[in-house]
PDB file of N, CA and C in Angstrom:
ATOM      1  N   MET A   1     -54.185-119.073 -17.960  1.00  0.00           N
ATOM      2  CA  MET A   1     -52.836-119.369 -18.074  1.00  0.00           C
ATOM      3  C   MET A   1     -52.571-120.089 -19.405  1.00  0.00           C
ATOM      4  N   ALA A   2     -51.555-119.640 -20.140  1.00  0.00           N
ATOM      5  CA  ALA A   2     -51.146-120.396 -21.281  1.00  0.00           C
ATOM      6  C   ALA A   2     -49.643-120.322 -21.466  1.00  0.00           C
ATOM      7  N   ARG A   3     -49.078-121.379 -21.998  1.00  0.00           N
ATOM      8  CA  ARG A   3     -47.622-121.430 -22.199  1.00  0.00           C
ATOM      9  C   ARG A   3     -47.351-121.376 -23.713  1.00  0.00           C
ATOM     10  N   TYR A   4     -46.274-120.749 -24.081  1.00  0.00           N
ATOM     11  CA  TYR A   4     -45.856-120.736 -25.469  1.00  0.00           C
ATOM     12  C   TYR A   4     -44.343-120.855 -25.497  1.00  0.00           C
ATOM     13  N   ARG A   5     -43.854-121.397 -26.604  1.00  0.00           N
ATOM     14  CA  ARG A   5     -42.437-121.446 -26.896  1.00  0.00           C
ATOM     15  C   ARG A   5     -42.097-120.317 -27.873  1.00  0.00           C
ATOM     16  N   ILE A   6     -41.162-119.506 -27.455  1.00  0.00           N
ATOM     17  CA  ILE A   6     -40.764-118.419 -28.317  1.00  0.00           C
ATOM     18  C   ILE A   6     -39.249-118.484 -28.432  1.00  0.00           C
ATOM     19  N   GLU A   7     -38.780-118.932 -29.641  1.00  0.00           N
ATOM     20  CA  GLU A   7     -37.290-118.949 -29.894  1.00  0.00           C
ATOM     21  C   GLU A   7     -36.551-119.686 -28.797  1.00  0.00           C
ATOM     22  N   GLY A   8     -37.049-120.818 -28.336  1.00  0.00           N
ATOM     23  CA  GLY A   8     -36.353-121.659 -27.389  1.00  0.00           C
ATOM     24  C   GLY A   8     -36.638-121.262 -25.923  1.00  0.00           C
ATOM     25  N   THR A   9     -37.439-120.264 -25.726  1.00  0.00           N
ATOM     26  CA  THR A   9     -37.771-119.842 -24.358  1.00  0.00           C
ATOM     27  C   THR A   9     -39.303-120.091 -24.127  1.00  0.00           C
ATOM     28  N   ILE A  10     -39.668-120.609 -22.935  1.00  0.00           N
ATOM     29  CA  ILE A  10     -41.023-120.839 -22.621  1.00  0.00           C
ATOM     30  C   ILE A  10     -41.548-119.757 -21.858  1.00  0.00           C
ATOM     31  N   VAL A  11     -42.657-119.095 -22.324  1.00  0.00           N
ATOM     32  CA  VAL A  11     -43.285-118.048 -21.615  1.00  0.00           C
ATOM     33  C   VAL A  11     -44.590-118.497 -21.116  1.00  0.00           C
ATOM     34  N   ASP A  12     -44.972-118.135 -19.942  1.00  0.00           N
ATOM     35  CA  ASP A  12     -46.229-118.412 -19.256  1.00  0.00           C
ATOM     36  C   ASP A  12     -47.033-117.152 -18.931  1.00  0.00           C
ATOM     37  N   THR A  13     -48.101-116.976 -19.547  1.00  0.00           N
ATOM     38  CA  THR A  13     -48.804-115.760 -19.359  1.00  0.00           C
ATOM     39  C   THR A  13     -49.241-115.517 -17.920  1.00  0.00           C
ATOM     40  N   SER A  14     -49.333-116.484 -17.101  1.00  0.00           N
ATOM     41  CA  SER A  14     -49.588-116.324 -15.732  1.00  0.00           C
ATOM     42  C   SER A  14     -48.534-115.695 -14.951  1.00  0.00           C
ATOM     43  N   ASN A  15     -47.278-115.770 -15.519  1.00  0.00           N
ATOM     44  CA  ASN A  15     -46.137-115.223 -14.855  1.00  0.00           C
ATOM     45  C   ASN A  15     -45.771-113.799 -15.340  1.00  0.00           C
ATOM     46  N   ALA A  16     -46.529-113.312 -16.264  1.00  0.00           N
ATOM     47  CA  ALA A  16     -46.301-111.989 -16.888  1.00  0.00           C
ATOM     48  C   ALA A  16     -46.461-110.928 -15.814  1.00  0.00           C
ATOM     49  N   SER A  17     -45.612-109.917 -15.896  1.00  0.00           N
ATOM     50  CA  SER A  17     -45.626-108.800 -14.873  1.00  0.00           C
ATOM     51  C   SER A  17     -46.728-107.756 -15.316  1.00  0.00           C
ATOM     52  N   ALA A  18     -47.150-107.767 -16.510  1.00  0.00           N
ATOM     53  CA  ALA A  18     -48.206-106.903 -16.997  1.00  0.00           C
ATOM     54  C   ALA A  18     -48.953-107.495 -18.252  1.00  0.00           C
ATOM     55  N   GLU A  19     -50.155-107.157 -18.475  1.00  0.00           N
ATOM     56  CA  GLU A  19     -50.875-107.657 -19.595  1.00  0.00           C
ATOM     57  C   GLU A  19     -51.851-106.497 -20.117  1.00  0.00           C
ATOM     58  N   TRP A  20     -51.820-106.323 -21.444  1.00  0.00           N
ATOM     59  CA  TRP A  20     -52.736-105.340 -22.007  1.00  0.00           C
ATOM     60  C   TRP A  20     -53.545-105.973 -23.081  1.00  0.00           C
ATOM     61  N   ALA A  21     -54.916-105.763 -22.995  1.00  0.00           N
ATOM     62  CA  ALA A  21     -55.773-106.306 -23.973  1.00  0.00           C
ATOM     63  C   ALA A  21     -55.903-105.352 -25.186  1.00  0.00           C
ATOM     64  N   GLU A  22     -56.142-105.891 -26.344  1.00  0.00           N
ATOM     65  CA  GLU A  22     -56.387-105.037 -27.485  1.00  0.00           C
ATOM     66  C   GLU A  22     -57.732-104.282 -27.361  1.00  0.00           C
ATOM     67  N   GLU A  23     -57.813-103.221 -28.003  1.00  0.00           N
ATOM     68  CA  GLU A  23     -59.093-102.464 -28.102  1.00  0.00           C
ATOM     69  C   GLU A  23     -59.767-102.791 -29.335  1.00  0.00           C
ATOM     70  N   THR A  24     -61.058-102.667 -29.389  1.00  0.00           N
ATOM     71  CA  THR A  24     -61.814-102.876 -30.628  1.00  0.00           C
ATOM     72  C   THR A  24     -62.673-101.635 -30.979  1.00  0.00           C
ATOM     73  N   ASP A  25     -63.070-101.532 -32.192  1.00  0.00           N
ATOM     74  CA  ASP A  25     -63.914-100.447 -32.670  1.00  0.00           C
ATOM     75  C   ASP A  25     -65.151-101.090 -33.295  1.00  0.00           C
ATOM     76  N   TRP A  26     -66.293-100.562 -33.109  1.00  0.00           N
ATOM     77  CA  TRP A  26     -67.517-101.019 -33.636  1.00  0.00           C
ATOM     78  C   TRP A  26     -67.616-100.407 -35.078  1.00  0.00           C
ATOM     79  N   ASN A  27     -67.824-101.289 -36.088  1.00  0.00           N
ATOM     80  CA  ASN A  27     -67.919-100.833 -37.473  1.00  0.00           C
ATOM     81  C   ASN A  27     -69.332-100.772 -37.922  1.00  0.00           C
ATOM     82  N   GLY A  28     -70.344-100.935 -37.003  1.00  0.00           N
ATOM     83  CA  GLY A  28     -71.718-101.017 -37.383  1.00  0.00           C
ATOM     84  C   GLY A  28     -72.265-102.405 -37.401  1.00  0.00           C
ATOM     85  N   ASN A  29     -71.410-103.312 -37.563  1.00  0.00           N
ATOM     86  CA  ASN A  29     -71.777-104.744 -37.628  1.00  0.00           C
ATOM     87  C   ASN A  29     -70.964-105.610 -36.657  1.00  0.00           C
ATOM     88  N   ASN A  30     -69.731-105.291 -36.555  1.00  0.00           N
ATOM     89  CA  ASN A  30     -68.858-106.176 -35.666  1.00  0.00           C
ATOM     90  C   ASN A  30     -67.841-105.324 -34.928  1.00  0.00           C
ATOM     91  N   HIS A  31     -67.244-105.932 -33.919  1.00  0.00           N
ATOM     92  CA  HIS A  31     -66.098-105.343 -33.136  1.00  0.00           C
ATOM     93  C   HIS A  31     -64.830-105.669 -33.938  1.00  0.00           C
ATOM     94  N   ILE A  32     -64.148-104.701 -34.335  1.00  0.00           N
ATOM     95  CA  ILE A  32     -62.872-104.923 -35.146  1.00  0.00           C
ATOM     96  C   ILE A  32     -61.706-104.611 -34.273  1.00  0.00           C
ATOM     97  N   SER A  33     -60.754-105.578 -34.238  1.00  0.00           N
ATOM     98  CA  SER A  33     -59.505-105.360 -33.482  1.00  0.00           C
ATOM     99  C   SER A  33     -58.738-104.186 -34.032  1.00  0.00           C
ATOM    100  N   ARG A  34     -58.185-103.277 -33.138  1.00  0.00           N
ATOM    101  CA  ARG A  34     -57.335-102.270 -33.647  1.00  0.00           C
ATOM    102  C   ARG A  34     -55.989-102.820 -33.972  1.00  0.00           C
ATOM    103  N   ALA A  35     -55.647-103.832 -33.287  1.00  0.00           N
ATOM    104  CA  ALA A  35     -54.282-104.534 -33.510  1.00  0.00           C
ATOM    105  C   ALA A  35     -54.182-105.244 -34.775  1.00  0.00           C
ATOM    106  N   THR A  36     -55.267-105.904 -35.232  1.00  0.00           N
ATOM    107  CA  THR A  36     -55.164-106.782 -36.373  1.00  0.00           C
ATOM    108  C   THR A  36     -56.031-106.294 -37.538  1.00  0.00           C
ATOM    109  N   GLY A  37     -56.997-105.432 -37.251  1.00  0.00           N
ATOM    110  CA  GLY A  37     -57.896-104.974 -38.263  1.00  0.00           C
ATOM    111  C   GLY A  37     -58.922-106.055 -38.664  1.00  0.00           C
ATOM    112  N   SER A  38     -59.077-107.069 -37.747  1.00  0.00           N
ATOM    113  CA  SER A  38     -59.980-108.189 -38.148  1.00  0.00           C
ATOM    114  C   SER A  38     -60.906-108.383 -37.001  1.00  0.00           C
ATOM    115  N   GLN A  39     -62.093-108.912 -37.354  1.00  0.00           N
ATOM    116  CA  GLN A  39     -63.008-109.290 -36.190  1.00  0.00           C
ATOM    117  C   GLN A  39     -62.764-110.688 -35.724  1.00  0.00           C
ATOM    118  N   TRP A  40     -61.931-111.422 -36.444  1.00  0.00           N
ATOM    119  CA  TRP A  40     -61.644-112.790 -36.133  1.00  0.00           C
ATOM    120  C   TRP A  40     -60.288-113.013 -35.398  1.00  0.00           C
ATOM    121  N   GLU A  41     -59.347-112.126 -35.673  1.00  0.00           N
ATOM    122  CA  GLU A  41     -58.021-112.362 -35.119  1.00  0.00           C
ATOM    123  C   GLU A  41     -57.694-111.335 -34.062  1.00  0.00           C
ATOM    124  N   HIS A  42     -56.969-111.719 -33.056  1.00  0.00           N
ATOM    125  CA  HIS A  42     -56.796-110.815 -31.815  1.00  0.00           C
ATOM    126  C   HIS A  42     -55.344-110.908 -31.319  1.00  0.00           C
ATOM    127  N   GLU A  43     -54.949-109.860 -30.612  1.00  0.00           N
ATOM    128  CA  GLU A  43     -53.619-109.872 -29.923  1.00  0.00           C
ATOM    129  C   GLU A  43     -53.754-109.310 -28.518  1.00  0.00           C
ATOM    130  N   THR A  44     -52.932-109.884 -27.644  1.00  0.00           N
ATOM    131  CA  THR A  44     -52.740-109.393 -26.279  1.00  0.00           C
ATOM    132  C   THR A  44     -51.240-109.150 -26.059  1.00  0.00           C
ATOM    133  N   LEU A  45     -50.939-108.037 -25.532  1.00  0.00           N
ATOM    134  CA  LEU A  45     -49.535-107.712 -25.201  1.00  0.00           C
ATOM    135  C   LEU A  45     -49.168-108.051 -23.754  1.00  0.00           C
ATOM    136  N   TYR A  46     -47.957-108.661 -23.628  1.00  0.00           N
ATOM    137  CA  TYR A  46     -47.550-109.093 -22.201  1.00  0.00           C
ATOM    138  C   TYR A  46     -46.144-108.507 -22.049  1.00  0.00           C
ATOM    139  N   ARG A  47     -45.795-108.247 -20.741  1.00  0.00           N
ATOM    140  CA  ARG A  47     -44.426-107.980 -20.371  1.00  0.00           C
ATOM    141  C   ARG A  47     -44.006-109.193 -19.471  1.00  0.00           C
ATOM    142  N   SER A  48     -42.980-109.904 -19.846  1.00  0.00           N
ATOM    143  CA  SER A  48     -42.545-111.039 -19.071  1.00  0.00           C
ATOM    144  C   SER A  48     -41.972-110.590 -17.753  1.00  0.00           C
ATOM    145  N   ARG A  49     -41.780-111.559 -16.871  1.00  0.00           N
ATOM    146  CA  ARG A  49     -41.283-111.170 -15.539  1.00  0.00           C
ATOM    147  C   ARG A  49     -39.828-110.691 -15.666  1.00  0.00           C
ATOM    148  N   ARG A  50     -39.157-110.950 -16.799  1.00  0.00           N
ATOM    149  CA  ARG A  50     -37.768-110.364 -17.053  1.00  0.00           C
ATOM    150  C   ARG A  50     -37.861-109.124 -17.735  1.00  0.00           C
ATOM    151  N   GLY A  51     -39.019-108.625 -18.074  1.00  0.00           N
ATOM    152  CA  GLY A  51     -39.162-107.301 -18.703  1.00  0.00           C
ATOM    153  C   GLY A  51     -39.124-107.252 -20.206  1.00  0.00           C
ATOM    154  N   ARG A  52     -39.264-108.442 -20.830  1.00  0.00           N
ATOM    155  CA  ARG A  52     -39.326-108.578 -22.319  1.00  0.00           C
ATOM    156  C   ARG A  52     -40.778-108.515 -22.661  1.00  0.00           C
ATOM    157  N   TYR A  53     -41.145-107.946 -23.885  1.00  0.00           N
ATOM    158  CA  TYR A  53     -42.455-107.799 -24.314  1.00  0.00           C
ATOM    159  C   TYR A  53     -42.768-108.885 -25.385  1.00  0.00           C
ATOM    160  N   TYR A  54     -43.987-109.441 -25.374  1.00  0.00           N
ATOM    161  CA  TYR A  54     -44.368-110.326 -26.368  1.00  0.00           C
ATOM    162  C   TYR A  54     -45.879-110.253 -26.631  1.00  0.00           C
ATOM    163  N   THR A  55     -46.297-110.583 -27.796  1.00  0.00           N
ATOM    164  CA  THR A  55     -47.790-110.586 -28.111  1.00  0.00           C
ATOM    165  C   THR A  55     -48.145-112.086 -28.329  1.00  0.00           C
ATOM    166  N   VAL A  56     -49.382-112.230 -27.882  1.00  0.00           N
ATOM    167  CA  VAL A  56     -50.065-113.596 -27.982  1.00  0.00           C
ATOM    168  C   VAL A  56     -51.209-113.298 -29.162  1.00  0.00           C
ATOM    169  N   HIS A  57     -51.065-114.124 -30.159  1.00  0.00           N
ATOM    170  CA  HIS A  57     -51.968-114.022 -31.307  1.00  0.00           C
ATOM    171  C   HIS A  57     -53.058-115.126 -31.210  1.00  0.00           C
ATOM    172  N   THR A  58     -54.273-114.785 -31.215  1.00  0.00           N
ATOM    173  CA  THR A  58     -55.346-115.781 -31.081  1.00  0.00           C
ATOM    174  C   THR A  58     -56.350-115.549 -32.289  1.00  0.00           C
ATOM    175  N   SER A  59     -57.079-116.542 -32.584  1.00  0.00           N
ATOM    176  CA  SER A  59     -58.018-116.380 -33.725  1.00  0.00           C
ATOM    177  C   SER A  59     -59.249-117.203 -33.367  1.00  0.00           C
ATOM    178  N   GLN A  60     -60.393-116.719 -33.938  1.00  0.00           N
ATOM    179  CA  GLN A  60     -61.626-117.446 -33.746  1.00  0.00           C
ATOM    180  C   GLN A  60     -61.883-118.400 -34.957  1.00  0.00           C
ATOM    181  N   TRP A  61     -60.916-118.407 -35.922  1.00  0.00           N
ATOM    182  CA  TRP A  61     -61.049-119.304 -37.031  1.00  0.00           C
ATOM    183  C   TRP A  61     -60.867-120.806 -36.587  1.00  0.00           C
ATOM    184  N   GLN A  62     -61.759-121.673 -36.949  1.00  0.00           N
ATOM    185  CA  GLN A  62     -61.729-123.009 -36.614  1.00  0.00           C
ATOM    186  C   GLN A  62     -60.409-123.639 -37.017  1.00  0.00           C
ATOM    187  N   GLY A  63     -59.735-124.385 -36.121  1.00  0.00           N
ATOM    188  CA  GLY A  63     -58.499-125.079 -36.440  1.00  0.00           C
ATOM    189  C   GLY A  63     -57.250-124.208 -36.229  1.00  0.00           C
ATOM    190  N   SER A  64     -57.422-122.914 -35.904  1.00  0.00           N
ATOM    191  CA  SER A  64     -56.264-122.085 -35.688  1.00  0.00           C
ATOM    192  C   SER A  64     -55.638-122.315 -34.339  1.00  0.00           C
ATOM    193  N   THR A  65     -54.303-122.077 -34.259  1.00  0.00           N
ATOM    194  CA  THR A  65     -53.533-122.375 -33.017  1.00  0.00           C
ATOM    195  C   THR A  65     -52.989-121.071 -32.485  1.00  0.00           C
ATOM    196  N   PRO A  66     -53.217-120.767 -31.226  1.00  0.00           N
ATOM    197  CA  PRO A  66     -52.597-119.511 -30.654  1.00  0.00           C
ATOM    198  C   PRO A  66     -51.126-119.589 -30.670  1.00  0.00           C
ATOM    199  N   ARG A  67     -50.480-118.475 -30.893  1.00  0.00           N
ATOM    200  CA  ARG A  67     -49.038-118.379 -30.967  1.00  0.00           C
ATOM    201  C   ARG A  67     -48.530-117.081 -30.310  1.00  0.00           C
ATOM    202  N   ALA A  68     -47.268-117.085 -29.958  1.00  0.00           N
ATOM    203  CA  ALA A  68     -46.728-115.821 -29.259  1.00  0.00           C
ATOM    204  C   ALA A  68     -45.425-115.527 -29.969  1.00  0.00           C
ATOM    205  N   GLU A  69     -45.012-114.310 -29.881  1.00  0.00           N
ATOM    206  CA  GLU A  69     -43.826-113.777 -30.522  1.00  0.00           C
ATOM    207  C   GLU A  69     -43.238-112.597 -29.705  1.00  0.00           C
ATOM    208  N   TRP A  70     -41.900-112.580 -29.628  1.00  0.00           N
ATOM    209  CA  TRP A  70     -41.272-111.439 -28.949  1.00  0.00           C
ATOM    210  C   TRP A  70     -41.621-110.148 -29.770  1.00  0.00           C
ATOM    211  N   VAL A  71     -41.640-108.994 -29.189  1.00  0.00           N
ATOM    212  CA  VAL A  71     -41.731-107.802 -29.852  1.00  0.00           C
ATOM    213  C   VAL A  71     -40.688-106.818 -29.236  1.00  0.00           C
ATOM    214  N   SER A  72     -40.174-105.893 -30.049  1.00  0.00           N
ATOM    215  CA  SER A  72     -39.193-105.003 -29.526  1.00  0.00           C
ATOM    216  C   SER A  72     -39.878-103.965 -28.684  1.00  0.00           C
ATOM    217  N   PRO A  73     -39.158-103.254 -27.841  1.00  0.00           N
ATOM    218  CA  PRO A  73     -39.744-102.168 -26.985  1.00  0.00           C
ATOM    219  C   PRO A  73     -40.420-101.137 -27.870  1.00  0.00           C
ATOM    220  N   GLU A  74     -39.926-100.787 -29.034  1.00  0.00           N
ATOM    221  CA  GLU A  74     -40.480 -99.855 -29.924  1.00  0.00           C
ATOM    222  C   GLU A  74     -41.868-100.397 -30.422  1.00  0.00           C
ATOM    223  N   ALA A  75     -41.863-101.602 -30.829  1.00  0.00           N
ATOM    224  CA  ALA A  75     -43.166-102.187 -31.300  1.00  0.00           C
ATOM    225  C   ALA A  75     -44.147-102.305 -30.151  1.00  0.00           C
ATOM    226  N   ALA A  76     -43.703-102.578 -28.964  1.00  0.00           N
ATOM    227  CA  ALA A  76     -44.690-102.594 -27.799  1.00  0.00           C
ATOM    228  C   ALA A  76     -45.195-101.150 -27.558  1.00  0.00           C
ATOM    229  N   THR A  77     -44.360-100.233 -27.705  1.00  0.00           N
ATOM    230  CA  THR A  77     -44.740 -98.829 -27.510  1.00  0.00           C
ATOM    231  C   THR A  77     -45.844 -98.410 -28.563  1.00  0.00           C
ATOM    232  N   ARG A  78     -45.566 -98.744 -29.865  1.00  0.00           N
ATOM    233  CA  ARG A  78     -46.505 -98.466 -30.916  1.00  0.00           C
ATOM    234  C   ARG A  78     -47.921 -99.173 -30.649  1.00  0.00           C
ATOM    235  N   TRP A  79     -47.791-100.402 -30.254  1.00  0.00           N
ATOM    236  CA  TRP A  79     -48.956-101.155 -29.902  1.00  0.00           C
ATOM    237  C   TRP A  79     -49.800-100.598 -28.882  1.00  0.00           C
ATOM    238  N   LEU A  80     -49.162-100.169 -27.805  1.00  0.00           N
ATOM    239  CA  LEU A  80     -49.861 -99.568 -26.625  1.00  0.00           C
ATOM    240  C   LEU A  80     -50.462 -98.216 -27.018  1.00  0.00           C
ATOM    241  N   LEU A  81     -49.691 -97.365 -27.795  1.00  0.00           N
ATOM    242  CA  LEU A  81     -50.226 -96.113 -28.241  1.00  0.00           C
ATOM    243  C   LEU A  81     -51.465 -96.303 -29.128  1.00  0.00           C
ATOM    244  N   LEU A  82     -51.332 -97.273 -30.010  1.00  0.00           N
ATOM    245  CA  LEU A  82     -52.539 -97.570 -30.944  1.00  0.00           C
ATOM    246  C   LEU A  82     -53.739 -98.008 -30.244  1.00  0.00           C
ATOM    247  N   MET A  83     -53.560 -98.754 -29.115  1.00  0.00           N
ATOM    248  CA  MET A  83     -54.683 -99.244 -28.346  1.00  0.00           C
ATOM    249  C   MET A  83     -55.215 -98.180 -27.367  1.00  0.00           C
ATOM    250  N   GLY A  84     -54.432 -97.112 -27.285  1.00  0.00           N
ATOM    251  CA  GLY A  84     -54.905 -96.003 -26.298  1.00  0.00           C
ATOM    252  C   GLY A  84     -54.557 -96.251 -24.831  1.00  0.00           C
ATOM    253  N   HIS A  85     -53.676 -97.159 -24.584  1.00  0.00           N
ATOM    254  CA  HIS A  85     -53.208 -97.481 -23.291  1.00  0.00           C
ATOM    255  C   HIS A  85     -52.070 -96.504 -22.793  1.00  0.00           C
ATOM    256  N   ASP A  86     -52.022 -96.241 -21.464  1.00  0.00           N
ATOM    257  CA  ASP A  86     -50.915 -95.456 -20.962  1.00  0.00           C
ATOM    258  C   ASP A  86     -49.573 -96.351 -21.049  1.00  0.00           C
ATOM    259  N   LEU A  87     -48.541 -95.637 -21.312  1.00  0.00           N
ATOM    260  CA  LEU A  87     -47.242 -96.311 -21.366  1.00  0.00           C
ATOM    261  C   LEU A  87     -46.618 -96.701 -20.072  1.00  0.00           C
ATOM    262  N   PRO A  88     -46.098 -97.875 -19.807  1.00  0.00           N
ATOM    263  CA  PRO A  88     -45.354 -98.078 -18.630  1.00  0.00           C
ATOM    264  C   PRO A  88     -44.179 -97.257 -18.641  1.00  0.00           C
ATOM    265  N   GLU A  89     -43.569 -97.096 -17.356  1.00  0.00           N
ATOM    266  CA  GLU A  89     -42.452 -96.279 -17.120  1.00  0.00           C
ATOM    267  C   GLU A  89     -41.316 -96.656 -18.093  1.00  0.00           C
ATOM    268  N   ASP A  90     -41.040 -97.955 -18.291  1.00  0.00           N
ATOM    269  CA  ASP A  90     -39.885 -98.453 -19.083  1.00  0.00           C
ATOM    270  C   ASP A  90     -39.976 -98.110 -20.538  1.00  0.00           C
ATOM    271  N   LEU A  91     -41.220 -97.743 -21.023  1.00  0.00           N
ATOM    272  CA  LEU A  91     -41.422 -97.480 -22.467  1.00  0.00           C
ATOM    273  C   LEU A  91     -41.684 -95.959 -22.681  1.00  0.00           C
ATOM    274  N   ALA A  92     -41.887 -95.300 -21.687  1.00  0.00           N
ATOM    275  CA  ALA A  92     -42.375 -93.810 -21.812  1.00  0.00           C
ATOM    276  C   ALA A  92     -41.406 -92.974 -22.659  1.00  0.00           C
ATOM    277  N   ALA A  93     -40.064 -93.293 -22.501  1.00  0.00           N
ATOM    278  CA  ALA A  93     -39.052 -92.468 -23.291  1.00  0.00           C
ATOM    279  C   ALA A  93     -39.157 -92.761 -24.766  1.00  0.00           C
ATOM    280  N   LEU A  94     -39.722 -93.819 -25.210  1.00  0.00           N
ATOM    281  CA  LEU A  94     -39.814 -94.226 -26.568  1.00  0.00           C
ATOM    282  C   LEU A  94     -40.978 -93.484 -27.283  1.00  0.00           C
ATOM    283  N   GLU A  95     -41.919 -92.881 -26.628  1.00  0.00           N
ATOM    284  CA  GLU A  95     -43.049 -92.307 -27.268  1.00  0.00           C
ATOM    285  C   GLU A  95     -42.701 -91.392 -28.384  1.00  0.00           C
ATOM    286  N   GLY A  96     -41.771 -90.488 -28.144  1.00  0.00           N
ATOM    287  CA  GLY A  96     -41.336 -89.486 -29.159  1.00  0.00           C
ATOM    288  C   GLY A  96     -40.713 -90.113 -30.420  1.00  0.00           C
ATOM    289  N   GLU A  97     -40.115 -91.310 -30.225  1.00  0.00           N
ATOM    290  CA  GLU A  97     -39.445 -92.019 -31.300  1.00  0.00           C
ATOM    291  C   GLU A  97     -40.467 -92.698 -32.201  1.00  0.00           C
ATOM    292  N   VAL A  98     -41.611 -93.076 -31.746  1.00  0.00           N
ATOM    293  CA  VAL A  98     -42.525 -93.888 -32.512  1.00  0.00           C
ATOM    294  C   VAL A  98     -43.766 -93.182 -32.906  1.00  0.00           C
ATOM    295  N   SER A  99     -43.971 -91.952 -32.443  1.00  0.00           N
ATOM    296  CA  SER A  99     -45.202 -91.207 -32.783  1.00  0.00           C
ATOM    297  C   SER A  99     -44.822 -89.767 -33.154  1.00  0.00           C
ATOM    298  N   GLU A 100     -45.762 -89.154 -33.910  1.00  0.00           N
ATOM    299  CA  GLU A 100     -45.563 -87.712 -34.344  1.00  0.00           C
ATOM    300  C   GLU A 100     -46.767 -86.964 -33.904  1.00  0.00           C
TER     301      GLU A 100
END
């Protein structure tokens, strides 16, 4: 469980109605995040209990602080497709708008 302030709203990851982890690809030496392109920085996508999407950004860099930000439904759809996850029902209609 983690709490973040996003534009005056407090989100609690334990209250999220859904959570999706980033996928990684092995480059021969390290697992590289598909979301960030880095072996050190990571993202997790959440759907809040009110149905809004947000990403939590974490890093393995010493001294870094996790943060969260709201993302649009279109951005959430792109993120899920890039990670290879199935789209939830509320985003399925956006697939054609964000992919070719």
